Amino acid sequence: MPGTGMMSELETSTDLLAGIRGRADRLQGKRDELVAQQTDLTNRRNKIDAYLAIADSVTDALEQLSNDVFQRELSVIESTLTKALQEVLDQPVVFKATASFKRDAASVEFSIERNGNPEDIMRGQGGSVANVVSVGLRMFAVTTLDERRHRKFLVLDEQDCWLHPDLVPRLVKIVHEAGTALGFQVLMISHHDVSSFLRHADRVYRLAPDRGDGVGLELVRNDADVIVSDSTSV
């Protein structure tokens, strides 16, 4: 029948058109997806370009901030050690810490002044200045350690070796106060007389050769101004 052939061709054309429309819809969807990706990439690129545009300024600002923080820490060390030097030595000594920054690294030079005149830190007061400064810097170093990996414990081995005996109790007092405030223990080893430590130390031990092959360990304490020794051979 003539009508049947025409209907078949019409159905074929309709199916073909539907297929074309389906492909067009899929292509349109793919296009929209690609456009969305392109928009996202453009936005990300713009953000990166904006970051790169200020990267140098941010780096300079962070470096300056780091330097400022470092300078403030040095100022604290300067004032603290100046106070310690003046309390222990009873002299108008001022501690100076001068920082310089080269190639993203900091270096610090330590010095002292007396009435505005520079002095050799290693020779000041016959080495007494170096004693006090060394103690102070070691105590500051302990405070920077990670408490999860390091115990708050500091050993000072003859850090009073150049101090006059009359000045040793002043150093012991400052060390005791600083250790208490910072929350760590300090063990001081000294050849000075134990009487220099009795007033400010929590415990004082005297080591001395005994009659055998060992060393006598005496716990020395001050009870009513009378020194009592408990001896133990080790």
Protein backbone atom coordinates (compact mmCIF):
# COMPACT_ATOMS: atom_id res chain seq x y z
CA MET A 1 0.00 0.00 0.00
CA PRO A 2 1.35 3.48 -0.84
CA GLY A 3 0.42 4.77 2.62
CA THR A 4 2.47 2.10 4.36
CA GLY A 5 5.68 3.13 2.58
CA MET A 6 5.19 6.76 3.42
CA MET A 7 4.50 5.90 7.08
CA SER A 8 7.67 3.83 7.29
CA GLU A 9 9.76 6.64 5.85
CA LEU A 10 8.15 9.09 8.25
CA GLU A 11 8.89 6.84 11.24
CA THR A 12 12.47 6.45 10.08
CA SER A 13 12.85 10.20 9.74
CA THR A 14 11.33 10.69 13.21
CA ASP A 15 13.69 8.17 14.76
CA LEU A 16 16.63 9.77 12.99
CA LEU A 17 15.59 13.21 14.18
CA ALA A 18 15.16 11.92 17.71
CA GLY A 19 18.63 10.40 17.56
CA ILE A 20 20.10 13.65 16.31
CA ARG A 21 18.34 15.57 19.08
CA GLY A 22 19.63 13.10 21.67
CA ARG A 23 23.18 13.51 20.40
CA ALA A 24 22.73 17.27 20.35
CA ASP A 25 21.49 17.19 23.98
CA ARG A 26 24.47 15.07 25.01
CA LEU A 27 26.85 17.38 23.18
CA GLN A 28 25.18 20.36 24.83
CA GLY A 29 25.59 18.70 28.22
CA LYS A 30 29.22 17.96 27.48
CA ARG A 31 29.70 21.55 26.34
CA ASP A 32 28.12 22.86 29.56
CA GLU A 33 30.40 20.57 31.58
CA LEU A 34 33.48 21.78 29.68
CA VAL A 35 32.40 25.40 30.09
CA ALA A 36 31.98 24.84 33.83
CA GLN A 37 35.45 23.25 34.03
CA GLN A 38 36.92 26.11 32.04
CA THR A 39 35.26 28.62 34.37
CA ASP A 40 36.61 26.76 37.41
CA LEU A 41 40.13 26.62 35.94
CA THR A 42 39.95 30.30 35.07
CA ASN A 43 38.93 31.15 38.63
CA ARG A 44 41.73 29.02 40.06
CA ARG A 45 44.23 30.59 37.69
CA ASN A 46 43.05 34.04 38.71
CA LYS A 47 43.55 33.14 42.38
CA ILE A 48 47.04 31.80 41.66
CA ASP A 49 47.88 34.92 39.67
CA ALA A 50 46.61 37.07 42.55
CA TYR A 51 48.74 35.09 45.03
CA LEU A 52 51.82 35.32 42.83
CA ALA A 53 51.25 39.05 42.51
CA ILE A 54 51.58 39.48 46.29
CA ALA A 55 53.89 36.52 47.03
CA ASP A 56 57.01 38.66 47.29
CA SER A 57 55.25 41.17 49.52
CA VAL A 58 53.92 38.39 51.77
CA THR A 59 57.36 36.78 51.99
CA ASP A 60 58.95 40.12 52.88
CA ALA A 61 56.25 40.79 55.48
CA LEU A 62 56.68 37.36 57.10
CA GLU A 63 60.45 37.77 57.14
CA GLN A 64 60.11 41.19 58.73
CA LEU A 65 57.67 39.78 61.30
CA SER A 66 60.09 36.98 62.11
CA ASN A 67 62.91 39.48 62.49
CA ASP A 68 60.74 41.67 64.74
CA VAL A 69 59.87 38.70 66.97
CA PHE A 70 63.54 37.72 67.12
CA GLN A 71 64.50 41.28 68.03
CA ARG A 72 61.91 41.35 70.81
CA GLU A 73 63.29 38.09 72.20
CA LEU A 74 66.78 39.57 72.11
CA SER A 75 65.50 42.62 73.94
CA VAL A 76 64.16 40.37 76.70
CA ILE A 77 67.52 38.60 76.91
CA GLU A 78 69.35 41.93 76.99
CA SER A 79 67.25 43.35 79.83
CA THR A 80 67.24 40.10 81.82
CA LEU A 81 70.98 39.52 81.60
CA THR A 82 71.70 43.18 82.29
CA LYS A 83 69.68 42.89 85.49
CA ALA A 84 71.45 39.65 86.42
CA LEU A 85 74.90 41.13 85.82
CA GLN A 86 74.14 44.20 87.89
CA GLU A 87 72.61 42.20 90.75
CA VAL A 88 75.45 39.69 90.90
CA LEU A 89 78.41 41.99 90.23
CA ASP A 90 76.98 45.21 91.64
CA GLN A 91 78.50 47.03 88.66
CA PRO A 92 76.90 49.31 85.99
CA VAL A 93 77.35 46.66 83.30
CA VAL A 94 74.90 46.56 80.38
CA PHE A 95 74.51 43.43 78.26
CA LYS A 96 74.10 43.90 74.50
CA ALA A 97 72.87 41.44 71.86
CA THR A 98 73.20 42.69 68.29
CA ALA A 99 71.55 40.68 65.51
CA SER A 100 72.31 40.70 61.80
CA PHE A 101 70.35 38.91 59.07
CA LYS A 102 72.04 37.53 55.98
CA ARG A 103 70.72 34.97 53.49
CA ASP A 104 67.64 34.23 55.65
CA ALA A 105 69.86 33.39 58.64
CA ALA A 106 70.39 35.34 61.83
CA SER A 107 73.64 35.78 63.71
CA VAL A 108 74.02 37.43 67.10
CA GLU A 109 77.00 39.14 68.65
CA PHE A 110 77.12 39.55 72.42
CA SER A 111 78.93 42.36 74.18
CA ILE A 112 78.87 44.48 77.33
CA GLU A 113 79.08 48.17 78.03
CA ARG A 114 80.06 50.09 81.10
CA ASN A 115 78.96 53.73 81.20
CA GLY A 116 78.52 53.60 77.43
CA ASN A 117 82.01 52.21 76.80
CA PRO A 118 82.30 48.74 75.20
CA GLU A 119 84.23 46.01 77.01
CA ASP A 120 85.43 42.55 76.12
CA ILE A 121 82.77 40.16 77.39
CA MET A 122 85.35 37.44 78.07
CA ARG A 123 87.54 39.72 80.19
CA GLY A 124 84.91 41.72 82.03
CA GLN A 125 85.38 41.60 85.79
CA GLY A 126 88.12 38.99 85.42
CA GLY A 127 85.81 36.54 83.70
CA SER A 128 82.89 37.02 86.09
CA VAL A 129 80.79 38.59 83.33
CA ALA A 130 81.29 35.51 81.16
CA ASN A 131 80.19 33.34 84.10
CA VAL A 132 76.91 35.16 84.56
CA VAL A 133 76.19 35.51 80.82
CA SER A 134 76.89 31.83 80.22
CA VAL A 135 74.45 30.83 82.97
CA GLY A 136 71.76 33.14 81.62
CA LEU A 137 72.08 31.96 78.01
CA ARG A 138 71.95 28.32 79.08
CA MET A 139 68.78 28.94 81.06
CA PHE A 140 67.19 30.70 78.08
CA ALA A 141 68.19 27.76 75.87
CA VAL A 142 66.41 25.30 78.17
CA THR A 143 63.16 27.25 77.84
CA THR A 144 63.19 26.79 74.04
CA LEU A 145 63.33 22.98 74.17
CA ASP A 146 60.30 20.83 73.38
CA GLU A 147 59.00 19.60 76.74
CA ARG A 148 57.67 16.43 75.10
CA ARG A 149 61.23 15.37 74.21
CA HIS A 150 63.40 17.05 76.82
CA ARG A 151 63.31 17.16 80.59
CA LYS A 152 63.50 20.56 82.25
CA PHE A 153 66.89 19.92 83.78
CA LEU A 154 70.06 22.03 83.56
CA VAL A 155 73.57 21.21 84.78
CA LEU A 156 75.90 24.14 85.50
CA ASP A 157 79.43 22.81 85.86
CA GLU A 158 81.60 25.36 87.68
CA GLN A 159 79.83 28.29 86.10
CA ASP A 160 80.96 30.36 89.10
CA CYS A 161 84.66 29.58 88.64
CA TRP A 162 85.69 33.23 88.07
CA LEU A 163 83.33 34.78 90.58
CA HIS A 164 84.64 36.16 93.83
CA PRO A 165 83.38 33.97 96.70
CA ASP A 166 81.36 36.87 98.09
CA LEU A 167 79.39 37.05 94.81
CA VAL A 168 78.55 33.36 94.50
CA PRO A 169 75.44 33.52 96.76
CA ARG A 170 74.02 36.24 94.50
CA LEU A 171 74.38 33.99 91.46
CA VAL A 172 72.85 31.06 93.31
CA LYS A 173 69.90 33.25 94.30
CA ILE A 174 69.22 34.30 90.69
CA VAL A 175 69.57 30.74 89.40
CA HIS A 176 67.20 29.45 92.07
CA GLU A 177 64.61 32.14 91.35
CA ALA A 178 64.84 31.64 87.58
CA GLY A 179 64.63 27.86 87.84
CA THR A 180 61.58 28.11 90.10
CA ALA A 181 59.87 30.63 87.81
CA LEU A 182 60.58 28.60 84.66
CA GLY A 183 59.74 25.27 86.26
CA PHE A 184 62.96 23.31 85.81
CA GLN A 185 65.63 21.82 88.01
CA VAL A 186 69.20 23.08 88.14
CA LEU A 187 72.24 21.17 89.37
CA MET A 188 75.19 23.46 90.17
CA ILE A 189 78.67 21.98 90.54
CA SER A 190 81.18 24.22 92.29
CA HIS A 191 84.47 24.32 94.14
CA HIS A 192 83.31 27.21 96.30
CA ASP A 193 82.51 26.65 99.95
CA VAL A 194 79.13 25.07 100.65
CA SER A 195 78.18 28.04 102.80
CA SER A 196 77.74 30.02 99.58
CA PHE A 197 74.81 27.77 98.63
CA LEU A 198 73.02 27.03 101.87
CA ARG A 199 70.77 30.07 101.86
CA HIS A 200 69.29 29.73 98.38
CA ALA A 201 69.75 26.13 97.21
CA ASP A 202 67.11 23.48 97.97
CA ARG A 203 69.78 20.87 98.69
CA VAL A 204 73.55 21.03 99.08
CA TYR A 205 75.85 18.03 98.83
CA ARG A 206 79.58 17.89 99.53
CA LEU A 207 81.75 15.35 97.70
CA ALA A 208 85.02 14.34 99.35
CA PRO A 209 87.36 11.32 99.26
CA ASP A 210 86.62 8.79 101.99
CA ARG A 211 88.98 6.33 103.66
CA GLY A 212 88.19 3.63 101.13
CA ASP A 213 88.20 3.72 97.34
CA GLY A 214 84.95 5.61 97.00
CA VAL A 215 83.77 9.17 97.45
CA GLY A 216 82.01 10.52 100.47
CA LEU A 217 78.66 12.17 99.74
CA GLU A 218 77.46 14.54 102.44
CA LEU A 219 74.04 16.12 102.54
CA VAL A 220 74.67 19.50 104.14
CA ARG A 221 71.87 21.53 105.63
CA ASN A 222 71.62 24.58 107.81
CA ASP A 223 69.59 24.04 110.95
CA ALA A 224 69.58 27.02 113.31
CA ASP A 225 72.84 28.23 111.76
CA VAL A 226 74.48 24.88 112.52
CA ILE A 227 75.71 22.85 109.57
CA VAL A 228 74.81 19.18 109.91
CA SER A 229 76.35 16.62 107.58
CA ASP A 230 74.82 13.23 106.75
CA SER A 231 77.65 11.17 105.22
CA THR A 232 77.18 8.36 102.73
CA SER A 233 79.97 6.52 100.89
CA VAL A 234 79.39 6.08 97.16
